Amino acid sequence: MNVGFRAWDANGTLIFDLSYRLARIIDSRKLDGTGGSLVDDRLTQGGWVAFQPDFSCGDGYLSGGVIVPQFSISGNVLSWSYAAKNSAQYDIYQTGTLFYGAS
């Protein structure tokens, strides 16, 4: 007999049980257009990132480029960086909120 938490949809189809792997949000951080990193031992459990921009690419900046952050996870270190601007006058760095977590 199976024991644990299970959930079904309205049609009776199993949509979740304890054999599923769920992701959890550990924290969030506001990114201001500069690179950086953080250390969190929970990332070694299988880390992930999601980025929510403060504005849509191109909003008000149609004559330049929007440079988005690039993310990497190595062990317990989450790093982000931005490529160099091609045009100091027109290119902008995308700001926003970084969400990170573990599975």
N, C-alpha and C. Protein backbone atom coordinates (compact mmCIF):
# COMPACT_ATOMS: atom_id res chain seq x y z
N MET A 1 0.84 -1.18 0.00
CA MET A 1 0.00 0.00 0.00
C MET A 1 0.88 1.24 0.00
N ASN A 2 0.61 2.14 -0.94
CA ASN A 2 1.35 3.40 -1.01
C ASN A 2 0.89 4.35 0.08
N VAL A 3 1.85 5.02 0.66
CA VAL A 3 1.55 5.99 1.72
C VAL A 3 2.18 7.31 1.32
N GLY A 4 1.50 8.42 1.59
CA GLY A 4 2.06 9.73 1.30
C GLY A 4 1.04 10.67 0.73
N PHE A 5 1.53 11.75 0.20
CA PHE A 5 0.69 12.80 -0.35
C PHE A 5 0.50 12.58 -1.84
N ARG A 6 -0.74 12.64 -2.30
CA ARG A 6 -1.06 12.54 -3.72
C ARG A 6 -2.14 13.56 -4.04
N ALA A 7 -2.14 14.01 -5.30
CA ALA A 7 -3.16 14.95 -5.77
C ALA A 7 -3.61 14.52 -7.16
N TRP A 8 -4.90 14.66 -7.42
CA TRP A 8 -5.50 14.31 -8.70
C TRP A 8 -6.22 15.51 -9.28
N ASP A 9 -6.34 15.55 -10.60
CA ASP A 9 -7.14 16.60 -11.22
C ASP A 9 -8.60 16.20 -11.23
N ALA A 10 -9.44 17.04 -11.82
CA ALA A 10 -10.89 16.80 -11.83
C ALA A 10 -11.27 15.52 -12.56
N ASN A 11 -10.43 15.02 -13.47
CA ASN A 11 -10.70 13.80 -14.22
C ASN A 11 -10.19 12.55 -13.52
N GLY A 12 -9.60 12.72 -12.34
CA GLY A 12 -9.08 11.58 -11.61
C GLY A 12 -7.67 11.17 -12.00
N THR A 13 -6.99 12.01 -12.79
CA THR A 13 -5.62 11.73 -13.20
C THR A 13 -4.66 12.19 -12.12
N LEU A 14 -3.75 11.31 -11.75
CA LEU A 14 -2.75 11.65 -10.75
C LEU A 14 -1.85 12.74 -11.30
N ILE A 15 -1.74 13.87 -10.59
CA ILE A 15 -0.89 14.97 -11.05
C ILE A 15 0.31 15.19 -10.15
N PHE A 16 0.32 14.58 -8.97
CA PHE A 16 1.44 14.75 -8.06
C PHE A 16 1.44 13.64 -7.01
N ASP A 17 2.64 13.13 -6.72
CA ASP A 17 2.82 12.29 -5.53
C ASP A 17 4.25 12.49 -5.03
N LEU A 18 4.62 11.82 -3.99
CA LEU A 18 5.91 12.08 -3.37
C LEU A 18 7.10 11.57 -4.17
N SER A 19 6.87 10.88 -5.27
CA SER A 19 7.99 10.48 -6.12
C SER A 19 8.41 11.62 -7.05
N TYR A 20 7.60 12.69 -7.14
CA TYR A 20 7.92 13.84 -7.99
C TYR A 20 8.99 14.69 -7.32
N ARG A 21 9.79 15.32 -8.15
CA ARG A 21 10.80 16.24 -7.65
C ARG A 21 10.28 17.66 -7.82
N LEU A 22 10.20 18.40 -6.74
CA LEU A 22 9.69 19.76 -6.79
C LEU A 22 10.83 20.75 -6.56
N ALA A 23 10.72 21.88 -7.21
CA ALA A 23 11.70 22.95 -7.00
C ALA A 23 11.18 23.89 -5.92
N ARG A 24 12.11 24.41 -5.15
CA ARG A 24 11.72 25.39 -4.13
C ARG A 24 12.55 26.65 -4.30
N ILE A 25 11.92 27.79 -4.09
CA ILE A 25 12.62 29.06 -4.15
C ILE A 25 13.37 29.24 -2.84
N ILE A 26 14.68 29.49 -2.94
CA ILE A 26 15.49 29.74 -1.76
C ILE A 26 15.47 31.22 -1.41
N ASP A 27 15.67 32.07 -2.43
CA ASP A 27 15.76 33.50 -2.17
C ASP A 27 15.63 34.26 -3.47
N SER A 28 15.62 35.58 -3.39
CA SER A 28 15.64 36.43 -4.57
C SER A 28 16.63 37.56 -4.33
N ARG A 29 17.06 38.15 -5.41
CA ARG A 29 18.04 39.22 -5.32
C ARG A 29 17.79 40.20 -6.45
N LYS A 30 17.82 41.48 -6.16
CA LYS A 30 17.66 42.53 -7.17
C LYS A 30 18.99 42.70 -7.91
N LEU A 31 18.96 42.61 -9.24
CA LEU A 31 20.16 42.81 -10.05
C LEU A 31 20.11 44.20 -10.66
N ASP A 32 21.22 44.92 -10.53
CA ASP A 32 21.27 46.33 -10.95
C ASP A 32 22.08 46.57 -12.22
N GLY A 33 22.43 45.51 -12.93
CA GLY A 33 23.20 45.67 -14.15
C GLY A 33 24.69 45.44 -13.98
N THR A 34 25.10 45.01 -12.81
CA THR A 34 26.50 44.66 -12.58
C THR A 34 26.59 43.18 -12.24
N GLY A 35 27.70 42.57 -12.56
CA GLY A 35 27.89 41.16 -12.27
C GLY A 35 28.07 40.93 -10.78
N GLY A 36 27.94 39.67 -10.39
CA GLY A 36 28.12 39.33 -8.99
C GLY A 36 28.01 37.83 -8.76
N SER A 37 28.03 37.45 -7.51
CA SER A 37 27.88 36.04 -7.16
C SER A 37 27.40 35.93 -5.74
N LEU A 38 26.93 34.74 -5.40
CA LEU A 38 26.52 34.43 -4.03
C LEU A 38 26.85 32.99 -3.74
N VAL A 39 26.95 32.66 -2.48
CA VAL A 39 27.25 31.30 -2.05
C VAL A 39 26.09 30.79 -1.21
N ASP A 40 25.59 29.62 -1.55
CA ASP A 40 24.51 28.99 -0.79
C ASP A 40 24.68 27.48 -0.93
N ASP A 41 24.93 26.79 0.16
CA ASP A 41 25.17 25.35 0.12
C ASP A 41 23.98 24.56 -0.40
N ARG A 42 22.78 25.12 -0.33
CA ARG A 42 21.59 24.41 -0.83
C ARG A 42 21.61 24.26 -2.35
N LEU A 43 22.41 25.05 -3.05
CA LEU A 43 22.50 24.93 -4.51
C LEU A 43 23.10 23.60 -4.95
N THR A 44 23.84 22.95 -4.07
CA THR A 44 24.44 21.65 -4.42
C THR A 44 23.39 20.56 -4.54
N GLN A 45 22.15 20.83 -4.12
CA GLN A 45 21.06 19.86 -4.24
C GLN A 45 20.47 19.85 -5.64
N GLY A 46 20.94 20.72 -6.51
CA GLY A 46 20.39 20.87 -7.85
C GLY A 46 19.82 22.26 -7.98
N GLY A 47 20.63 23.22 -8.34
CA GLY A 47 20.20 24.62 -8.37
C GLY A 47 19.55 25.02 -9.68
N TRP A 48 18.75 26.07 -9.63
CA TRP A 48 18.12 26.65 -10.81
C TRP A 48 17.99 28.15 -10.60
N VAL A 49 17.83 28.89 -11.69
CA VAL A 49 17.62 30.34 -11.64
C VAL A 49 16.47 30.73 -12.54
N ALA A 50 15.82 31.83 -12.18
CA ALA A 50 14.81 32.46 -13.03
C ALA A 50 15.03 33.97 -12.90
N PHE A 51 14.85 34.69 -13.99
CA PHE A 51 15.10 36.13 -14.00
C PHE A 51 13.85 36.85 -14.48
N GLN A 52 13.38 37.80 -13.68
CA GLN A 52 12.21 38.62 -14.03
C GLN A 52 12.69 40.03 -14.33
N PRO A 53 12.72 40.43 -15.61
CA PRO A 53 13.19 41.77 -15.96
C PRO A 53 12.29 42.87 -15.38
N ASP A 54 12.90 44.02 -15.11
CA ASP A 54 12.14 45.17 -14.66
C ASP A 54 11.30 45.76 -15.78
N PHE A 55 11.70 45.55 -17.03
CA PHE A 55 10.98 46.06 -18.18
C PHE A 55 11.20 45.10 -19.33
N SER A 56 10.33 45.17 -20.32
CA SER A 56 10.47 44.32 -21.50
C SER A 56 11.62 44.81 -22.35
N CYS A 57 12.31 43.88 -22.98
CA CYS A 57 13.43 44.26 -23.85
C CYS A 57 12.97 45.26 -24.90
N GLY A 58 13.65 46.36 -24.97
CA GLY A 58 13.35 47.36 -25.98
C GLY A 58 12.43 48.48 -25.53
N ASP A 59 11.78 48.36 -24.37
CA ASP A 59 10.87 49.43 -23.94
C ASP A 59 11.63 50.74 -23.78
N GLY A 60 11.40 51.65 -24.68
CA GLY A 60 12.03 52.96 -24.62
C GLY A 60 13.47 52.97 -25.10
N TYR A 61 13.97 51.84 -25.57
CA TYR A 61 15.37 51.75 -25.98
C TYR A 61 15.47 51.14 -27.38
N LEU A 62 14.65 51.60 -28.28
CA LEU A 62 14.57 50.98 -29.59
C LEU A 62 15.80 51.22 -30.45
N SER A 63 16.62 52.21 -30.11
CA SER A 63 17.80 52.49 -30.92
C SER A 63 19.04 51.78 -30.40
N GLY A 64 18.93 51.02 -29.32
CA GLY A 64 20.09 50.36 -28.75
C GLY A 64 19.80 48.92 -28.40
N GLY A 65 20.79 48.27 -27.80
CA GLY A 65 20.64 46.88 -27.41
C GLY A 65 20.41 46.74 -25.92
N VAL A 66 19.72 45.69 -25.55
CA VAL A 66 19.49 45.37 -24.14
C VAL A 66 20.35 44.16 -23.81
N ILE A 67 21.26 44.32 -22.86
CA ILE A 67 22.19 43.26 -22.49
C ILE A 67 21.66 42.57 -21.25
N VAL A 68 21.33 41.29 -21.38
CA VAL A 68 20.74 40.52 -20.28
C VAL A 68 21.83 39.77 -19.52
N PRO A 69 21.56 39.46 -18.25
CA PRO A 69 22.56 38.74 -17.47
C PRO A 69 22.67 37.27 -17.91
N GLN A 70 23.87 36.74 -17.76
CA GLN A 70 24.14 35.31 -18.00
C GLN A 70 24.43 34.68 -16.64
N PHE A 71 23.87 33.52 -16.38
CA PHE A 71 23.98 32.87 -15.07
C PHE A 71 24.74 31.56 -15.17
N SER A 72 25.44 31.21 -14.09
CA SER A 72 26.07 29.90 -14.00
C SER A 72 26.08 29.46 -12.54
N ILE A 73 25.97 28.15 -12.35
CA ILE A 73 26.03 27.55 -11.02
C ILE A 73 27.17 26.54 -11.04
N SER A 74 28.06 26.67 -10.09
CA SER A 74 29.16 25.73 -9.94
C SER A 74 29.26 25.37 -8.46
N GLY A 75 28.87 24.14 -8.14
CA GLY A 75 28.85 23.73 -6.73
C GLY A 75 27.85 24.55 -5.95
N ASN A 76 28.33 25.30 -4.97
CA ASN A 76 27.43 26.12 -4.15
C ASN A 76 27.51 27.60 -4.50
N VAL A 77 28.09 27.93 -5.67
CA VAL A 77 28.25 29.33 -6.08
C VAL A 77 27.37 29.62 -7.30
N LEU A 78 26.53 30.63 -7.18
CA LEU A 78 25.73 31.14 -8.28
C LEU A 78 26.34 32.47 -8.71
N SER A 79 26.70 32.57 -10.01
CA SER A 79 27.33 33.78 -10.54
C SER A 79 26.50 34.33 -11.68
N TRP A 80 26.58 35.63 -11.88
CA TRP A 80 25.95 36.26 -13.02
C TRP A 80 26.89 37.34 -13.56
N SER A 81 26.80 37.56 -14.86
CA SER A 81 27.64 38.56 -15.51
C SER A 81 26.88 39.15 -16.70
N TYR A 82 27.38 40.28 -17.15
CA TYR A 82 26.82 40.97 -18.32
C TYR A 82 27.93 41.13 -19.34
N ALA A 83 27.60 40.98 -20.62
CA ALA A 83 28.57 41.23 -21.68
C ALA A 83 28.87 42.73 -21.74
N ALA A 84 29.99 43.08 -22.34
CA ALA A 84 30.35 44.50 -22.48
C ALA A 84 29.39 45.19 -23.45
N LYS A 85 29.20 46.47 -23.23
CA LYS A 85 28.36 47.26 -24.14
C LYS A 85 29.10 47.49 -25.45
N ASN A 86 28.35 47.42 -26.56
CA ASN A 86 28.90 47.78 -27.87
C ASN A 86 28.84 49.29 -28.07
N SER A 87 27.81 49.91 -27.50
CA SER A 87 27.63 51.35 -27.61
C SER A 87 27.30 51.89 -26.23
N ALA A 88 28.22 52.65 -25.66
CA ALA A 88 27.99 53.24 -24.34
C ALA A 88 26.79 54.19 -24.35
N GLN A 89 26.49 54.74 -25.49
CA GLN A 89 25.40 55.71 -25.59
C GLN A 89 24.03 55.04 -25.66
N TYR A 90 23.94 53.90 -26.35
CA TYR A 90 22.62 53.33 -26.61
C TYR A 90 22.33 52.01 -25.91
N ASP A 91 23.32 51.20 -25.64
CA ASP A 91 23.08 49.91 -25.00
C ASP A 91 22.77 50.09 -23.52
N ILE A 92 21.93 49.21 -23.00
CA ILE A 92 21.59 49.24 -21.57
C ILE A 92 21.73 47.84 -20.98
N TYR A 93 21.98 47.79 -19.69
CA TYR A 93 22.00 46.52 -18.98
C TYR A 93 20.62 46.27 -18.39
N GLN A 94 20.10 45.07 -18.62
CA GLN A 94 18.78 44.69 -18.11
C GLN A 94 18.84 44.51 -16.61
N THR A 95 18.03 45.25 -15.88
CA THR A 95 17.90 45.09 -14.44
C THR A 95 16.67 44.22 -14.16
N GLY A 96 16.58 43.69 -12.97
CA GLY A 96 15.42 42.87 -12.63
C GLY A 96 15.66 42.08 -11.37
N THR A 97 14.84 41.08 -11.17
CA THR A 97 14.91 40.26 -9.97
C THR A 97 15.32 38.84 -10.33
N LEU A 98 16.35 38.36 -9.66
CA LEU A 98 16.82 36.99 -9.80
C LEU A 98 16.16 36.15 -8.71
N PHE A 99 15.54 35.07 -9.10
CA PHE A 99 15.02 34.08 -8.16
C PHE A 99 15.89 32.85 -8.31
N TYR A 100 16.30 32.26 -7.22
CA TYR A 100 17.10 31.04 -7.31
C TYR A 100 16.61 30.03 -6.29
N GLY A 101 16.85 28.77 -6.60
CA GLY A 101 16.35 27.73 -5.72
C GLY A 101 17.05 26.42 -5.94
N ALA A 102 16.50 25.40 -5.33
CA ALA A 102 17.04 24.05 -5.41
C ALA A 102 15.91 23.07 -5.67
N SER A 103 16.26 21.95 -6.29
CA SER A 103 15.25 20.94 -6.55
C SER A 103 15.23 19.91 -5.44
